[in-house]
């Protein structure tokens, strides 16, 4: 993401792994550089960013929601 998003913003999403496209509406304000859920996420799910495992989900995040640091933890420790 290259700019902050306001709730209600319609986005074009591109999955770099397979170059697929979809549209998504932001359900919350999301600051620049933060993550947004492309699908519903539940505790125990793996968070993937640019095809890489970046941690595990520890709090429920609905599709289009802000993936906050309270919802995502590293698997390193």
Foldseek 3Di string as FASTA:
>chain_A
DAAKDAAQDKDWDAQVVVRDIDIFGARHTEGPPFDFAQAWFAFPDFDADNRDGAFTFHHTHHHNYTCDPVGGDGPPD
